[in-house]
Amino acid sequence: SDEPALVTFMDSSIRRHIRQKIEDQIINGAGGASAPTGILSTSGVQAQAFDTDVITTIARALEKAANVDADVQAIVVNPSVAWSLRLLKDAEGRYLSGGPFAAGLVQTLWGVPIVESKRLTNKQALVGDFRTVNLLEREALSVLMFNQHKDYAQLNKVYVRAEWRGMQPIYDPRQLVLAAITAA
């Protein structure tokens, strides 16, 4: 009698976890026979060393992207970095990003939207033209549940299988810059 609720819960949970895994592979994929080569493992992605502080370093990364005519869409950072940026204050104690009561504002740095991803460490920022990265779906995500596996029906168990197939070409890695936003 609980099956419909369980199916809905399992389906949404599995889909969320698979989307997180896909995001991880897009950024950190090591490449190889069955895994894509992620942005951080792709040769040609520019690197920006730490320079004075996080804001200066990201500005230098934006400059590198501009030097190859990249139309930068976003600055991707770990959520802890995004919160550190939100909490920055001027010499008089005022929040630089509008503060806790600023409603509806998209956080930006140098006019570029900040996007959060847990797939980057809190020591990195990824800047660039993300139209150069494509995710092509070869087979849509499917989540199948059944109890016809060995003796699962008899044991009241359910077999769950989730599949998704895709590929990730990176057309011009020079338009992406990985910045080291800490000195260490």
C-alpha atoms as a PDB file:
ATOM      1  CA  SER A   1       0.000   0.000   0.000  1.00  0.00           C
ATOM      2  CA  ASP A   2       2.985   2.329   0.444  1.00  0.00           C
ATOM      3  CA  GLU A   3       4.355   1.636  -3.006  1.00  0.00           C
ATOM      4  CA  PRO A   4       3.110   4.811  -4.798  1.00  0.00           C
ATOM      5  CA  ALA A   5       4.677   7.085  -2.169  1.00  0.00           C
ATOM      6  CA  LEU A   6       7.885   5.063  -2.158  1.00  0.00           C
ATOM      7  CA  VAL A   7       8.086   5.132  -5.949  1.00  0.00           C
ATOM      8  CA  THR A   8       7.674   8.919  -6.012  1.00  0.00           C
ATOM      9  CA  PHE A   9      10.266   9.419  -3.275  1.00  0.00           C
ATOM     10  CA  MET A  10      12.786   7.022  -4.830  1.00  0.00           C
ATOM     11  CA  ASP A  11      12.327   8.457  -8.323  1.00  0.00           C
ATOM     12  CA  SER A  12      12.872  12.067  -7.235  1.00  0.00           C
ATOM     13  CA  SER A  13      15.807  11.162  -4.956  1.00  0.00           C
ATOM     14  CA  ILE A  14      17.567   9.110  -7.601  1.00  0.00           C
ATOM     15  CA  ARG A  15      17.050  11.805 -10.243  1.00  0.00           C
ATOM     16  CA  ARG A  16      18.508  14.456  -7.897  1.00  0.00           C
ATOM     17  CA  HIS A  17      21.548  12.291  -7.109  1.00  0.00           C
ATOM     18  CA  ILE A  18      22.151  11.522 -10.777  1.00  0.00           C
ATOM     19  CA  ARG A  19      21.975  15.238 -11.668  1.00  0.00           C
ATOM     20  CA  GLN A  20      24.575  15.883  -8.927  1.00  0.00           C
ATOM     21  CA  LYS A  21      26.792  13.126 -10.337  1.00  0.00           C
ATOM     22  CA  ILE A  22      26.473  14.597 -13.840  1.00  0.00           C
ATOM     23  CA  GLU A  23      27.456  18.032 -12.479  1.00  0.00           C
ATOM     24  CA  ASP A  24      30.466  16.446 -10.768  1.00  0.00           C
ATOM     25  CA  GLN A  25      31.548  14.751 -14.008  1.00  0.00           C
ATOM     26  CA  ILE A  26      31.133  17.983 -16.003  1.00  0.00           C
ATOM     27  CA  ILE A  27      33.502  19.758 -13.625  1.00  0.00           C
ATOM     28  CA  ASN A  28      35.785  17.028 -12.218  1.00  0.00           C
ATOM     29  CA  GLY A  29      35.512  14.066 -14.609  1.00  0.00           C
ATOM     30  CA  ALA A  30      38.878  12.335 -14.960  1.00  0.00           C
ATOM     31  CA  GLY A  31      38.194  11.011 -18.453  1.00  0.00           C
ATOM     32  CA  GLY A  32      38.827   7.509 -19.619  1.00  0.00           C
ATOM     33  CA  ALA A  33      36.835   4.688 -21.122  1.00  0.00           C
ATOM     34  CA  SER A  34      33.493   5.340 -19.431  1.00  0.00           C
ATOM     35  CA  ALA A  35      33.849   8.792 -17.827  1.00  0.00           C
ATOM     36  CA  PRO A  36      33.929  12.171 -19.530  1.00  0.00           C
ATOM     37  CA  THR A  37      36.851  14.521 -19.213  1.00  0.00           C
ATOM     38  CA  GLY A  38      35.630  17.329 -16.976  1.00  0.00           C
ATOM     39  CA  ILE A  39      36.459  20.997 -17.271  1.00  0.00           C
ATOM     40  CA  LEU A  40      39.212  20.799 -14.611  1.00  0.00           C
ATOM     41  CA  SER A  41      40.877  17.864 -16.391  1.00  0.00           C
ATOM     42  CA  THR A  42      40.730  19.357 -19.883  1.00  0.00           C
ATOM     43  CA  SER A  43      43.985  20.617 -21.346  1.00  0.00           C
ATOM     44  CA  GLY A  44      43.821  24.184 -22.561  1.00  0.00           C
ATOM     45  CA  VAL A  45      41.751  25.555 -19.667  1.00  0.00           C
ATOM     46  CA  GLN A  46      43.622  28.625 -18.480  1.00  0.00           C
ATOM     47  CA  ALA A  47      44.910  28.919 -14.924  1.00  0.00           C
ATOM     48  CA  GLN A  48      45.042  32.008 -12.738  1.00  0.00           C
ATOM     49  CA  ALA A  49      47.306  31.998  -9.688  1.00  0.00           C
ATOM     50  CA  PHE A  50      46.269  33.694  -6.462  1.00  0.00           C
ATOM     51  CA  ASP A  51      46.822  37.465  -6.602  1.00  0.00           C
ATOM     52  CA  THR A  52      46.460  39.569  -3.403  1.00  0.00           C
ATOM     53  CA  ASP A  53      42.887  38.498  -2.476  1.00  0.00           C
ATOM     54  CA  VAL A  54      39.889  36.612  -3.852  1.00  0.00           C
ATOM     55  CA  ILE A  55      38.364  39.631  -5.625  1.00  0.00           C
ATOM     56  CA  THR A  56      41.628  40.639  -7.318  1.00  0.00           C
ATOM     57  CA  THR A  57      42.264  37.031  -8.340  1.00  0.00           C
ATOM     58  CA  ILE A  58      38.821  36.713  -9.925  1.00  0.00           C
ATOM     59  CA  ALA A  59      39.361  40.050 -11.686  1.00  0.00           C
ATOM     60  CA  ARG A  60      42.621  38.677 -13.147  1.00  0.00           C
ATOM     61  CA  ALA A  61      40.753  35.530 -14.273  1.00  0.00           C
ATOM     62  CA  LEU A  62      38.128  37.700 -15.967  1.00  0.00           C
ATOM     63  CA  GLU A  63      40.946  39.608 -17.660  1.00  0.00           C
ATOM     64  CA  LYS A  64      42.454  36.338 -18.965  1.00  0.00           C
ATOM     65  CA  ALA A  65      39.077  35.298 -20.341  1.00  0.00           C
ATOM     66  CA  ALA A  66      38.634  38.692 -22.003  1.00  0.00           C
ATOM     67  CA  ASN A  67      42.055  38.353 -23.653  1.00  0.00           C
ATOM     68  CA  VAL A  68      40.761  35.373 -25.671  1.00  0.00           C
ATOM     69  CA  ASP A  69      37.472  37.154 -26.485  1.00  0.00           C
ATOM     70  CA  ALA A  70      35.411  35.055 -24.070  1.00  0.00           C
ATOM     71  CA  ASP A  71      31.947  36.370 -23.336  1.00  0.00           C
ATOM     72  CA  VAL A  72      31.929  35.444 -19.641  1.00  0.00           C
ATOM     73  CA  GLN A  73      28.532  34.247 -18.394  1.00  0.00           C
ATOM     74  CA  ALA A  74      29.365  33.271 -14.825  1.00  0.00           C
ATOM     75  CA  ILE A  75      31.798  32.895 -11.988  1.00  0.00           C
ATOM     76  CA  VAL A  76      31.342  29.457 -10.423  1.00  0.00           C
ATOM     77  CA  VAL A  77      32.362  29.068  -6.780  1.00  0.00           C
ATOM     78  CA  ASN A  78      31.735  26.748  -3.859  1.00  0.00           C
ATOM     79  CA  PRO A  79      28.770  27.877  -1.686  1.00  0.00           C
ATOM     80  CA  SER A  80      31.154  28.679   1.207  1.00  0.00           C
ATOM     81  CA  VAL A  81      33.034  31.090  -1.065  1.00  0.00           C
ATOM     82  CA  ALA A  82      29.763  32.682  -2.204  1.00  0.00           C
ATOM     83  CA  TRP A  83      28.805  33.245   1.439  1.00  0.00           C
ATOM     84  CA  SER A  84      32.234  34.716   2.215  1.00  0.00           C
ATOM     85  CA  LEU A  85      31.722  37.171  -0.634  1.00  0.00           C
ATOM     86  CA  ARG A  86      28.211  38.044   0.596  1.00  0.00           C
ATOM     87  CA  LEU A  87      29.626  38.819   4.041  1.00  0.00           C
ATOM     88  CA  LEU A  88      32.359  41.190   2.851  1.00  0.00           C
ATOM     89  CA  LYS A  89      32.058  44.645   4.441  1.00  0.00           C
ATOM     90  CA  ASP A  90      33.599  48.022   3.784  1.00  0.00           C
ATOM     91  CA  ALA A  91      35.603  50.004   6.366  1.00  0.00           C
ATOM     92  CA  GLU A  92      32.348  51.306   7.889  1.00  0.00           C
ATOM     93  CA  GLY A  93      30.834  47.849   8.392  1.00  0.00           C
ATOM     94  CA  ARG A  94      28.397  47.978   5.461  1.00  0.00           C
ATOM     95  CA  TYR A  95      27.905  44.861   3.349  1.00  0.00           C
ATOM     96  CA  LEU A  96      29.393  45.241  -0.098  1.00  0.00           C
ATOM     97  CA  SER A  97      26.848  42.922  -1.713  1.00  0.00           C
ATOM     98  CA  GLY A  98      23.707  44.686  -0.522  1.00  0.00           C
ATOM     99  CA  GLY A  99      23.334  42.994   2.838  1.00  0.00           C
ATOM    100  CA  PRO A 100      20.878  40.519   4.297  1.00  0.00           C
ATOM    101  CA  PHE A 101      17.757  42.573   3.509  1.00  0.00           C
ATOM    102  CA  ALA A 102      18.454  43.203  -0.174  1.00  0.00           C
ATOM    103  CA  ALA A 103      15.667  41.288  -1.910  1.00  0.00           C
ATOM    104  CA  GLY A 104      15.734  39.705  -5.316  1.00  0.00           C
ATOM    105  CA  LEU A 105      19.305  40.552  -6.176  1.00  0.00           C
ATOM    106  CA  VAL A 106      21.457  38.108  -8.107  1.00  0.00           C
ATOM    107  CA  GLN A 107      24.880  38.201  -6.545  1.00  0.00           C
ATOM    108  CA  THR A 108      27.476  39.446  -9.005  1.00  0.00           C
ATOM    109  CA  LEU A 109      31.161  40.220  -8.940  1.00  0.00           C
ATOM    110  CA  TRP A 110      32.437  42.740 -11.464  1.00  0.00           C
ATOM    111  CA  GLY A 111      28.957  42.563 -13.050  1.00  0.00           C
ATOM    112  CA  VAL A 112      29.201  38.810 -13.680  1.00  0.00           C
ATOM    113  CA  PRO A 113      26.673  36.491 -11.955  1.00  0.00           C
ATOM    114  CA  ILE A 114      28.023  34.178  -9.267  1.00  0.00           C
ATOM    115  CA  VAL A 115      26.848  30.573  -9.558  1.00  0.00           C
ATOM    116  CA  GLU A 116      27.301  28.109  -6.706  1.00  0.00           C
ATOM    117  CA  SER A 117      28.532  24.548  -7.144  1.00  0.00           C
ATOM    118  CA  LYS A 118      29.565  22.132  -4.424  1.00  0.00           C
ATOM    119  CA  ARG A 119      31.710  20.391  -7.045  1.00  0.00           C
ATOM    120  CA  LEU A 120      34.435  23.049  -6.755  1.00  0.00           C
ATOM    121  CA  THR A 121      36.575  23.306  -3.647  1.00  0.00           C
ATOM    122  CA  ASN A 122      36.549  26.466  -1.538  1.00  0.00           C
ATOM    123  CA  LYS A 123      39.982  27.249  -3.011  1.00  0.00           C
ATOM    124  CA  GLN A 124      38.797  27.544  -6.645  1.00  0.00           C
ATOM    125  CA  ALA A 125      36.726  29.731  -8.898  1.00  0.00           C
ATOM    126  CA  LEU A 126      35.822  28.861 -12.471  1.00  0.00           C
ATOM    127  CA  VAL A 127      35.282  31.785 -14.811  1.00  0.00           C
ATOM    128  CA  GLY A 128      34.376  31.790 -18.447  1.00  0.00           C
ATOM    129  CA  ASP A 129      32.166  31.392 -21.448  1.00  0.00           C
ATOM    130  CA  PHE A 130      30.238  28.255 -20.580  1.00  0.00           C
ATOM    131  CA  ARG A 131      28.688  28.074 -24.052  1.00  0.00           C
ATOM    132  CA  THR A 132      31.962  26.440 -25.008  1.00  0.00           C
ATOM    133  CA  VAL A 133      30.958  23.465 -22.805  1.00  0.00           C
ATOM    134  CA  ASN A 134      28.100  21.362 -24.063  1.00  0.00           C
ATOM    135  CA  LEU A 135      26.224  18.467 -22.505  1.00  0.00           C
ATOM    136  CA  LEU A 136      24.654  16.263 -25.151  1.00  0.00           C
ATOM    137  CA  GLU A 137      22.059  13.779 -24.003  1.00  0.00           C
ATOM    138  CA  ARG A 138      22.308  10.470 -25.838  1.00  0.00           C
ATOM    139  CA  GLU A 139      19.679   8.683 -23.777  1.00  0.00           C
ATOM    140  CA  ALA A 140      17.228  10.337 -21.378  1.00  0.00           C
ATOM    141  CA  LEU A 141      17.379   9.547 -17.694  1.00  0.00           C
ATOM    142  CA  SER A 142      15.256   6.531 -16.819  1.00  0.00           C
ATOM    143  CA  VAL A 143      14.579   5.154 -13.365  1.00  0.00           C
ATOM    144  CA  LEU A 144      13.110   1.654 -13.333  1.00  0.00           C
ATOM    145  CA  MET A 145      11.968  -0.306 -10.312  1.00  0.00           C
ATOM    146  CA  PHE A 146      10.916  -3.939 -10.344  1.00  0.00           C
ATOM    147  CA  ASN A 147      10.792  -6.983  -8.143  1.00  0.00           C
ATOM    148  CA  GLN A 148      11.425  -9.636 -10.821  1.00  0.00           C
ATOM    149  CA  HIS A 149      15.086 -10.012  -9.869  1.00  0.00           C
ATOM    150  CA  LYS A 150      15.962 -13.464  -8.476  1.00  0.00           C
ATOM    151  CA  ASP A 151      13.813 -13.917  -5.383  1.00  0.00           C
ATOM    152  CA  TYR A 152      13.092 -10.207  -4.704  1.00  0.00           C
ATOM    153  CA  ALA A 153       9.284 -10.593  -4.916  1.00  0.00           C
ATOM    154  CA  GLN A 154       9.408 -13.357  -2.353  1.00  0.00           C
ATOM    155  CA  LEU A 155      11.644 -11.264  -0.059  1.00  0.00           C
ATOM    156  CA  ASN A 156       9.590  -8.081  -0.630  1.00  0.00           C
ATOM    157  CA  LYS A 157      12.580  -6.276  -2.178  1.00  0.00           C
ATOM    158  CA  VAL A 158      12.663  -3.904  -5.123  1.00  0.00           C
ATOM    159  CA  TYR A 159      15.485  -3.654  -7.657  1.00  0.00           C
ATOM    160  CA  VAL A 160      16.155  -0.090  -8.815  1.00  0.00           C
ATOM    161  CA  ARG A 161      18.056   0.760 -11.966  1.00  0.00           C
ATOM    162  CA  ALA A 162      18.815   4.299 -13.134  1.00  0.00           C
ATOM    163  CA  GLU A 163      20.500   5.062 -16.434  1.00  0.00           C
ATOM    164  CA  TRP A 164      21.502   8.163 -18.325  1.00  0.00           C
ATOM    165  CA  ARG A 165      23.830   8.452 -21.297  1.00  0.00           C
ATOM    166  CA  GLY A 166      25.475  11.592 -22.522  1.00  0.00           C
ATOM    167  CA  MET A 167      28.653  13.194 -23.717  1.00  0.00           C
ATOM    168  CA  GLN A 168      30.417  16.442 -22.989  1.00  0.00           C
ATOM    169  CA  PRO A 169      32.419  18.214 -25.657  1.00  0.00           C
ATOM    170  CA  ILE A 170      34.426  21.282 -24.644  1.00  0.00           C
ATOM    171  CA  TYR A 171      34.843  23.268 -27.845  1.00  0.00           C
ATOM    172  CA  ASP A 172      37.238  26.014 -26.755  1.00  0.00           C
ATOM    173  CA  PRO A 173      38.805  25.398 -23.326  1.00  0.00           C
ATOM    174  CA  ARG A 174      40.829  28.645 -23.575  1.00  0.00           C
ATOM    175  CA  GLN A 175      37.612  30.518 -22.793  1.00  0.00           C
ATOM    176  CA  LEU A 176      37.547  28.992 -19.318  1.00  0.00           C
ATOM    177  CA  VAL A 177      39.827  30.056 -16.464  1.00  0.00           C
ATOM    178  CA  LEU A 178      40.371  28.149 -13.226  1.00  0.00           C
ATOM    179  CA  ALA A 179      41.461  30.568 -10.511  1.00  0.00           C
ATOM    180  CA  ALA A 180      43.220  29.619  -7.274  1.00  0.00           C
ATOM    181  CA  ILE A 181      41.444  31.949  -4.838  1.00  0.00           C
ATOM    182  CA  THR A 182      43.575  31.201  -1.784  1.00  0.00           C
ATOM    183  CA  ALA A 183      47.302  31.632  -1.261  1.00  0.00           C
ATOM    184  CA  ALA A 184      47.792  28.052  -0.034  1.00  0.00           C
END
